Amino acid sequence: MLAHVSIQCADLEKSAEFYDAVLGAVGGARIMSDGDAIGYGVPPVPDFWIGRQQTGDGFRETHVAFRAPDRAAVRAFFDAAVATGAEVLHEPQLWPQYDPDYYGAFVRDPDGNNVEAVTLSLD
């Protein structure tokens, strides 16, 4: 149902460094950029966007989960996030309360959002 999701970032360059690393680990890429916003996804269509904060005061946490092709990609996402200095929320593990094969890792992006990579693959 979703066409795309966009979040505002306090420091676009720092956030771009984080998302370049973690989304590359799960098969995504930077597709478009206009200086104020960057679109990521699987070419040719960006479906996740980050942009400079332009509205609102304060912070409200957002949770975004990116589908990974397999467990190795979830681990690569996690390692890439940690390498950028991201706060670890949950290391890669099974989450049987969601699904017997739900394997995910959770970190915080530079703005404090809860970002996850998940797969239902048994690999």
N, C-alpha and C. Protein backbone atom coordinates (compact mmCIF):
# COMPACT_ATOMS: atom_id res chain seq x y z
N MET A 1 0.80 -1.21 0.00
CA MET A 1 0.00 0.00 0.00
C MET A 1 0.84 1.26 0.00
N LEU A 2 2.01 1.24 0.61
CA LEU A 2 2.81 2.45 0.68
C LEU A 2 3.53 2.72 -0.64
N ALA A 3 3.51 3.96 -1.08
CA ALA A 3 4.29 4.37 -2.24
C ALA A 3 5.68 4.79 -1.82
N HIS A 4 5.74 5.53 -0.71
CA HIS A 4 7.03 5.92 -0.14
C HIS A 4 6.83 6.49 1.26
N VAL A 5 7.95 6.57 2.00
CA VAL A 5 7.98 7.14 3.35
C VAL A 5 9.09 8.17 3.35
N SER A 6 8.87 9.28 4.03
CA SER A 6 9.88 10.33 4.14
C SER A 6 9.99 10.78 5.59
N ILE A 7 11.23 10.95 6.06
CA ILE A 7 11.45 11.46 7.41
C ILE A 7 12.34 12.69 7.33
N GLN A 8 12.17 13.59 8.27
CA GLN A 8 13.00 14.79 8.34
C GLN A 8 14.18 14.54 9.29
N CYS A 9 15.34 15.08 8.93
CA CYS A 9 16.57 14.84 9.67
C CYS A 9 17.19 16.16 10.13
N ALA A 10 17.68 16.17 11.35
CA ALA A 10 18.34 17.37 11.88
C ALA A 10 19.65 17.63 11.15
N ASP A 11 20.37 16.58 10.78
CA ASP A 11 21.66 16.70 10.08
C ASP A 11 21.61 15.76 8.88
N LEU A 12 21.25 16.30 7.72
CA LEU A 12 21.04 15.49 6.53
C LEU A 12 22.29 14.72 6.13
N GLU A 13 23.45 15.34 6.22
CA GLU A 13 24.68 14.67 5.82
C GLU A 13 25.01 13.48 6.72
N LYS A 14 24.84 13.65 8.02
CA LYS A 14 25.09 12.55 8.96
C LYS A 14 24.08 11.42 8.74
N SER A 15 22.84 11.78 8.53
CA SER A 15 21.82 10.77 8.27
C SER A 15 22.08 10.05 6.95
N ALA A 16 22.53 10.78 5.93
CA ALA A 16 22.85 10.16 4.64
C ALA A 16 23.98 9.15 4.79
N GLU A 17 24.98 9.46 5.59
CA GLU A 17 26.08 8.52 5.84
C GLU A 17 25.54 7.23 6.46
N PHE A 18 24.65 7.37 7.44
CA PHE A 18 24.04 6.21 8.10
C PHE A 18 23.22 5.40 7.10
N TYR A 19 22.29 6.04 6.37
CA TYR A 19 21.41 5.30 5.47
C TYR A 19 22.15 4.75 4.26
N ASP A 20 23.17 5.44 3.77
CA ASP A 20 24.00 4.87 2.70
C ASP A 20 24.56 3.52 3.14
N ALA A 21 25.06 3.47 4.37
CA ALA A 21 25.69 2.25 4.89
C ALA A 21 24.68 1.14 5.15
N VAL A 22 23.62 1.43 5.89
CA VAL A 22 22.71 0.36 6.30
C VAL A 22 21.82 -0.12 5.16
N LEU A 23 21.40 0.77 4.28
CA LEU A 23 20.53 0.34 3.19
C LEU A 23 21.32 -0.40 2.12
N GLY A 24 22.58 -0.04 1.95
CA GLY A 24 23.43 -0.80 1.04
C GLY A 24 23.56 -2.24 1.48
N ALA A 25 23.54 -2.47 2.78
CA ALA A 25 23.68 -3.82 3.33
C ALA A 25 22.47 -4.71 3.04
N VAL A 26 21.31 -4.10 2.80
CA VAL A 26 20.11 -4.90 2.52
C VAL A 26 19.65 -4.77 1.06
N GLY A 27 20.53 -4.26 0.20
CA GLY A 27 20.23 -4.21 -1.23
C GLY A 27 19.65 -2.92 -1.74
N GLY A 28 19.56 -1.90 -0.89
CA GLY A 28 19.05 -0.61 -1.33
C GLY A 28 20.18 0.30 -1.76
N ALA A 29 19.82 1.41 -2.38
CA ALA A 29 20.82 2.36 -2.85
C ALA A 29 20.24 3.77 -2.88
N ARG A 30 21.14 4.74 -2.85
CA ARG A 30 20.75 6.13 -3.04
C ARG A 30 20.41 6.28 -4.53
N ILE A 31 19.18 6.71 -4.81
CA ILE A 31 18.72 6.81 -6.20
C ILE A 31 18.62 8.25 -6.67
N MET A 32 18.16 9.14 -5.79
CA MET A 32 17.96 10.54 -6.18
C MET A 32 18.41 11.45 -5.05
N SER A 33 18.82 12.66 -5.42
CA SER A 33 19.17 13.68 -4.43
C SER A 33 19.00 15.04 -5.07
N ASP A 34 18.40 15.97 -4.32
CA ASP A 34 18.27 17.32 -4.84
C ASP A 34 18.91 18.35 -3.92
N GLY A 35 19.71 17.90 -2.96
CA GLY A 35 20.35 18.80 -2.01
C GLY A 35 19.58 18.96 -0.71
N ASP A 36 18.26 18.89 -0.77
CA ASP A 36 17.44 18.99 0.43
C ASP A 36 16.79 17.67 0.80
N ALA A 37 16.81 16.70 -0.11
CA ALA A 37 16.22 15.39 0.14
C ALA A 37 16.99 14.33 -0.65
N ILE A 38 17.01 13.12 -0.08
CA ILE A 38 17.69 12.00 -0.71
C ILE A 38 16.71 10.83 -0.74
N GLY A 39 16.57 10.21 -1.91
CA GLY A 39 15.68 9.07 -2.08
C GLY A 39 16.46 7.78 -2.21
N TYR A 40 16.02 6.77 -1.46
CA TYR A 40 16.65 5.44 -1.46
C TYR A 40 15.65 4.40 -1.92
N GLY A 41 16.17 3.30 -2.39
CA GLY A 41 15.32 2.19 -2.76
C GLY A 41 16.06 1.22 -3.64
N VAL A 42 15.29 0.42 -4.37
CA VAL A 42 15.83 -0.48 -5.37
C VAL A 42 15.53 0.18 -6.71
N PRO A 43 16.56 0.53 -7.48
CA PRO A 43 16.34 1.28 -8.73
C PRO A 43 15.26 0.62 -9.59
N PRO A 44 14.45 1.44 -10.23
CA PRO A 44 14.62 2.87 -10.46
C PRO A 44 13.80 3.77 -9.52
N VAL A 45 13.03 3.18 -8.59
CA VAL A 45 12.08 3.97 -7.80
C VAL A 45 12.52 4.12 -6.35
N PRO A 46 12.71 5.36 -5.87
CA PRO A 46 12.98 5.54 -4.44
C PRO A 46 11.68 5.40 -3.65
N ASP A 47 11.73 4.65 -2.55
CA ASP A 47 10.54 4.51 -1.73
C ASP A 47 10.78 4.92 -0.28
N PHE A 48 12.02 5.31 0.04
CA PHE A 48 12.35 5.84 1.36
C PHE A 48 13.15 7.11 1.16
N TRP A 49 12.69 8.18 1.79
CA TRP A 49 13.32 9.50 1.62
C TRP A 49 13.75 10.06 2.96
N ILE A 50 14.87 10.76 2.95
CA ILE A 50 15.27 11.57 4.10
C ILE A 50 15.43 13.00 3.60
N GLY A 51 15.08 13.96 4.46
CA GLY A 51 15.19 15.36 4.07
C GLY A 51 15.55 16.23 5.27
N ARG A 52 15.95 17.43 4.96
CA ARG A 52 16.26 18.39 6.02
C ARG A 52 15.00 18.70 6.82
N GLN A 53 15.16 18.85 8.14
CA GLN A 53 14.01 19.19 8.98
C GLN A 53 13.51 20.57 8.59
N GLN A 54 12.24 20.65 8.27
CA GLN A 54 11.64 21.91 7.83
C GLN A 54 10.39 22.29 8.62
N THR A 55 9.80 21.33 9.31
CA THR A 55 8.58 21.63 10.04
C THR A 55 8.64 21.03 11.44
N GLY A 56 7.86 21.60 12.32
CA GLY A 56 7.69 21.05 13.65
C GLY A 56 8.84 21.32 14.59
N ASP A 57 8.53 21.26 15.86
CA ASP A 57 9.51 21.39 16.93
C ASP A 57 9.54 20.09 17.70
N GLY A 58 10.69 19.78 18.27
CA GLY A 58 10.78 18.58 19.09
C GLY A 58 10.96 17.34 18.24
N PHE A 59 10.83 16.21 18.89
CA PHE A 59 11.08 14.92 18.24
C PHE A 59 10.03 13.92 18.64
N ARG A 60 9.56 13.16 17.67
CA ARG A 60 8.69 12.02 17.91
C ARG A 60 9.29 10.84 17.18
N GLU A 61 9.63 9.79 17.91
CA GLU A 61 10.27 8.62 17.32
C GLU A 61 9.43 7.97 16.23
N THR A 62 10.11 7.60 15.17
CA THR A 62 9.51 6.84 14.08
C THR A 62 10.16 5.47 14.05
N HIS A 63 9.40 4.45 13.70
CA HIS A 63 9.97 3.11 13.49
C HIS A 63 9.85 2.77 12.02
N VAL A 64 10.99 2.42 11.41
CA VAL A 64 11.02 2.01 10.01
C VAL A 64 11.71 0.66 9.95
N ALA A 65 11.08 -0.30 9.26
CA ALA A 65 11.68 -1.62 9.08
C ALA A 65 11.94 -1.84 7.60
N PHE A 66 13.17 -2.25 7.29
CA PHE A 66 13.56 -2.54 5.92
C PHE A 66 13.68 -4.04 5.73
N ARG A 67 13.08 -4.55 4.66
CA ARG A 67 13.13 -5.98 4.37
C ARG A 67 14.53 -6.33 3.87
N ALA A 68 15.08 -7.37 4.43
CA ALA A 68 16.39 -7.88 4.01
C ALA A 68 16.18 -9.22 3.30
N PRO A 69 17.04 -9.55 2.34
CA PRO A 69 16.84 -10.80 1.61
C PRO A 69 17.12 -12.05 2.42
N ASP A 70 17.97 -11.94 3.45
CA ASP A 70 18.32 -13.11 4.25
C ASP A 70 18.95 -12.66 5.57
N ARG A 71 19.26 -13.62 6.42
CA ARG A 71 19.82 -13.30 7.74
C ARG A 71 21.19 -12.67 7.63
N ALA A 72 21.98 -13.06 6.64
CA ALA A 72 23.30 -12.45 6.46
C ALA A 72 23.17 -10.96 6.18
N ALA A 73 22.14 -10.57 5.44
CA ALA A 73 21.92 -9.15 5.15
C ALA A 73 21.48 -8.40 6.40
N VAL A 74 20.69 -9.04 7.26
CA VAL A 74 20.31 -8.42 8.54
C VAL A 74 21.57 -8.16 9.37
N ARG A 75 22.44 -9.16 9.43
CA ARG A 75 23.69 -8.98 10.18
C ARG A 75 24.57 -7.90 9.55
N ALA A 76 24.61 -7.84 8.20
CA ALA A 76 25.40 -6.80 7.52
C ALA A 76 24.83 -5.41 7.81
N PHE A 77 23.50 -5.30 7.83
CA PHE A 77 22.84 -4.04 8.20
C PHE A 77 23.26 -3.63 9.60
N PHE A 78 23.18 -4.57 10.53
CA PHE A 78 23.53 -4.30 11.92
C PHE A 78 25.00 -3.86 12.03
N ASP A 79 25.90 -4.60 11.39
CA ASP A 79 27.32 -4.25 11.44
C ASP A 79 27.59 -2.89 10.84
N ALA A 80 26.92 -2.57 9.73
CA ALA A 80 27.09 -1.26 9.09
C ALA A 80 26.60 -0.15 10.01
N ALA A 81 25.47 -0.38 10.68
CA ALA A 81 24.93 0.62 11.60
C ALA A 81 25.89 0.87 12.76
N VAL A 82 26.37 -0.21 13.35
CA VAL A 82 27.31 -0.09 14.48
C VAL A 82 28.57 0.64 14.05
N ALA A 83 29.03 0.37 12.83
CA ALA A 83 30.23 1.03 12.32
C ALA A 83 30.05 2.54 12.18
N THR A 84 28.80 3.00 11.99
CA THR A 84 28.55 4.44 11.91
C THR A 84 28.37 5.06 13.29
N GLY A 85 28.38 4.22 14.34
CA GLY A 85 28.20 4.72 15.70
C GLY A 85 26.78 4.65 16.20
N ALA A 86 25.91 3.95 15.48
CA ALA A 86 24.50 3.86 15.88
C ALA A 86 24.33 3.16 17.22
N GLU A 87 23.36 3.61 17.98
CA GLU A 87 22.99 2.94 19.23
C GLU A 87 22.31 1.61 18.91
N VAL A 88 22.71 0.57 19.58
CA VAL A 88 22.11 -0.75 19.40
C VAL A 88 20.87 -0.85 20.28
N LEU A 89 19.75 -1.19 19.66
CA LEU A 89 18.53 -1.46 20.42
C LEU A 89 18.38 -2.96 20.65
N HIS A 90 18.55 -3.75 19.57
CA HIS A 90 18.49 -5.21 19.67
C HIS A 90 19.40 -5.80 18.61
N GLU A 91 20.33 -6.65 19.04
CA GLU A 91 21.22 -7.33 18.10
C GLU A 91 20.40 -8.30 17.24
N PRO A 92 20.95 -8.75 16.10
CA PRO A 92 20.21 -9.68 15.25
C PRO A 92 19.79 -10.93 16.04
N GLN A 93 18.51 -11.26 15.91
CA GLN A 93 17.97 -12.42 16.62
C GLN A 93 16.61 -12.80 16.07
N LEU A 94 16.17 -13.98 16.44
CA LEU A 94 14.81 -14.40 16.11
C LEU A 94 13.82 -13.71 17.04
N TRP A 95 12.67 -13.37 16.47
CA TRP A 95 11.57 -12.77 17.22
C TRP A 95 10.33 -13.64 17.00
N PRO A 96 10.27 -14.81 17.70
CA PRO A 96 9.18 -15.75 17.44
C PRO A 96 7.80 -15.22 17.83
N GLN A 97 7.74 -14.19 18.64
CA GLN A 97 6.44 -13.62 18.97
C GLN A 97 5.79 -12.95 17.76
N TYR A 98 6.60 -12.60 16.74
CA TYR A 98 6.06 -12.02 15.50
C TYR A 98 5.80 -13.11 14.47
N ASP A 99 6.76 -14.03 14.32
CA ASP A 99 6.67 -15.13 13.38
C ASP A 99 7.82 -16.08 13.72
N PRO A 100 7.66 -17.39 13.58
CA PRO A 100 8.75 -18.31 13.94
C PRO A 100 10.06 -18.05 13.19
N ASP A 101 9.97 -17.45 11.99
CA ASP A 101 11.17 -17.19 11.19
C ASP A 101 11.54 -15.71 11.12
N TYR A 102 10.92 -14.87 11.93
CA TYR A 102 11.18 -13.42 11.93
C TYR A 102 12.54 -13.16 12.57
N TYR A 103 13.48 -12.70 11.76
CA TYR A 103 14.85 -12.45 12.21
C TYR A 103 15.14 -10.98 11.97
N GLY A 104 15.40 -10.23 13.03
CA GLY A 104 15.58 -8.79 12.88
C GLY A 104 16.62 -8.21 13.82
N ALA A 105 17.07 -7.03 13.45
CA ALA A 105 17.99 -6.24 14.27
C ALA A 105 17.48 -4.81 14.30
N PHE A 106 17.64 -4.14 15.44
CA PHE A 106 17.10 -2.80 15.64
C PHE A 106 18.22 -1.87 16.13
N VAL A 107 18.30 -0.68 15.52
CA VAL A 107 19.28 0.34 15.91
C VAL A 107 18.60 1.71 15.88
N ARG A 108 19.29 2.72 16.37
CA ARG A 108 18.79 4.10 16.27
C ARG A 108 19.58 4.83 15.19
N ASP A 109 18.88 5.58 14.37
CA ASP A 109 19.56 6.40 13.38
C ASP A 109 20.06 7.68 14.05
N PRO A 110 20.76 8.56 13.34
CA PRO A 110 21.32 9.76 13.97
C PRO A 110 20.29 10.68 14.63
N ASP A 111 19.02 10.58 14.22
CA ASP A 111 17.98 11.41 14.83
C ASP A 111 17.25 10.71 15.96
N GLY A 112 17.59 9.46 16.24
CA GLY A 112 16.95 8.74 17.33
C GLY A 112 15.81 7.85 16.91
N ASN A 113 15.57 7.70 15.61
CA ASN A 113 14.51 6.82 15.14
C ASN A 113 14.92 5.36 15.29
N ASN A 114 13.94 4.50 15.48
CA ASN A 114 14.12 3.07 15.62
C ASN A 114 14.10 2.46 14.22
N VAL A 115 15.26 1.97 13.76
CA VAL A 115 15.40 1.45 12.40
C VAL A 115 15.74 -0.03 12.47
N GLU A 116 15.04 -0.82 11.69
CA GLU A 116 15.14 -2.28 11.75
C GLU A 116 15.43 -2.84 10.36
N ALA A 117 16.16 -3.95 10.34
CA ALA A 117 16.24 -4.80 9.16
C ALA A 117 15.62 -6.13 9.56
N VAL A 118 14.81 -6.72 8.67
CA VAL A 118 14.08 -7.94 9.00
C VAL A 118 14.00 -8.86 7.79
N THR A 119 14.05 -10.15 8.07
CA THR A 119 13.80 -11.15 7.04
C THR A 119 12.99 -12.29 7.64
N LEU A 120 12.26 -12.97 6.79
CA LEU A 120 11.57 -14.19 7.18
C LEU A 120 12.25 -15.38 6.52
N SER A 121 13.39 -15.13 5.90
CA SER A 121 14.16 -16.18 5.23
C SER A 121 14.83 -17.07 6.27
N LEU A 122 14.95 -18.33 5.97
CA LEU A 122 15.61 -19.28 6.87
C LEU A 122 17.12 -19.30 6.64
N ASP A 123 17.61 -18.60 5.63
CA ASP A 123 19.05 -18.57 5.31
C ASP A 123 19.84 -17.88 6.40
